[in-house]
């Protein structure tokens, strides 16, 4: 039971919804829906990977992943 709780905590902490939403808003996306952890979509230097669906500046719905590092890397948007 204890291992299950630790695993759940680790999986829940592998995405950064607030940082991802901020990065998407700065990039001009709106109607942002955070989809949760998106494993295997980011590079080795990324700590957090957050799936999303949003509306781009052309009015199209797009899906992708926001990849964030811990301190100095910041966040990047991937499709």
Protein backbone atom coordinates (compact mmCIF):
# COMPACT_ATOMS: atom_id res chain seq x y z
CA UNK A 1 0.00 0.00 0.00
CA UNK A 2 2.81 2.38 0.86
CA UNK A 3 4.51 1.77 -2.50
CA UNK A 4 1.27 2.53 -4.30
CA UNK A 5 0.95 5.86 -2.50
CA UNK A 6 4.54 6.78 -3.35
CA UNK A 7 3.98 5.86 -7.01
CA UNK A 8 0.81 7.96 -7.16
CA UNK A 9 2.64 10.93 -5.65
CA UNK A 10 5.52 10.64 -8.12
CA UNK A 11 3.22 10.40 -11.13
CA UNK A 12 1.17 13.37 -9.97
CA UNK A 13 4.30 15.49 -9.58
CA UNK A 14 5.60 14.80 -13.12
CA UNK A 15 3.57 17.57 -14.69
CA UNK A 16 3.40 21.29 -14.05
CA UNK A 17 -0.08 22.61 -14.86
CA UNK A 18 0.45 26.21 -13.70
CA UNK A 19 3.78 26.68 -15.49
CA UNK A 20 2.36 25.03 -18.62
CA UNK A 21 -0.73 27.23 -18.67
CA UNK A 22 1.45 30.33 -18.26
CA UNK A 23 3.78 29.27 -21.10
CA UNK A 24 0.82 28.62 -23.39
CA UNK A 25 -0.83 31.95 -22.57
CA UNK A 26 2.43 33.79 -23.27
CA UNK A 27 2.58 32.01 -26.64
CA UNK A 28 -0.91 33.25 -27.56
CA UNK A 29 -3.00 30.14 -26.89
CA UNK A 30 -6.44 30.39 -25.33
CA UNK A 31 -9.19 28.02 -24.14
CA UNK A 32 -6.43 25.92 -22.59
CA UNK A 33 -7.29 22.49 -21.25
CA UNK A 34 -4.57 20.76 -19.25
CA UNK A 35 -4.69 17.01 -19.94
CA UNK A 36 -2.21 15.85 -17.29
CA UNK A 37 1.09 14.02 -17.40
CA UNK A 38 2.37 13.26 -20.91
CA UNK A 39 5.17 10.68 -20.53
CA UNK A 40 7.79 10.14 -23.25
CA UNK A 41 6.99 13.38 -25.10
CA UNK A 42 9.88 15.48 -23.78
CA UNK A 43 13.67 15.36 -23.79
CA UNK A 44 16.04 13.95 -21.19
CA UNK A 45 16.72 17.41 -19.74
CA UNK A 46 13.02 18.07 -19.08
CA UNK A 47 11.62 17.35 -15.64
CA UNK A 48 7.92 17.96 -16.25
CA UNK A 49 5.75 17.05 -19.24
CA UNK A 50 2.19 18.32 -19.40
CA UNK A 51 -0.30 17.44 -22.13
CA UNK A 52 -2.69 20.12 -23.33
CA UNK A 53 -5.38 21.03 -25.83
CA UNK A 54 -5.85 24.70 -26.73
CA UNK A 55 -6.96 27.14 -29.40
CA UNK A 56 -4.15 28.75 -31.42
CA UNK A 57 -4.11 32.26 -32.91
CA UNK A 58 -5.79 30.97 -36.10
CA UNK A 59 -8.76 29.63 -34.12
CA UNK A 60 -7.75 25.97 -34.59
CA UNK A 61 -7.79 23.43 -31.77
CA UNK A 62 -4.34 21.91 -31.27
CA UNK A 63 -2.90 19.32 -28.89
CA UNK A 64 0.64 18.96 -27.65
CA UNK A 65 2.95 18.86 -24.68
CA UNK A 66 4.60 21.57 -22.62
CA UNK A 67 8.07 20.44 -21.47
CA UNK A 68 9.59 22.21 -18.46
CA UNK A 69 12.89 22.03 -16.62
CA UNK A 70 13.51 22.61 -12.96
CA UNK A 71 15.23 25.96 -12.56
CA UNK A 72 17.02 27.51 -15.54
CA UNK A 73 15.55 25.70 -18.54
CA UNK A 74 12.06 27.16 -18.60
CA UNK A 75 9.24 25.65 -20.68
CA UNK A 76 8.88 24.79 -24.35
CA UNK A 77 5.75 23.85 -26.33
CA UNK A 78 5.87 20.72 -28.49
CA UNK A 79 3.35 19.39 -30.99
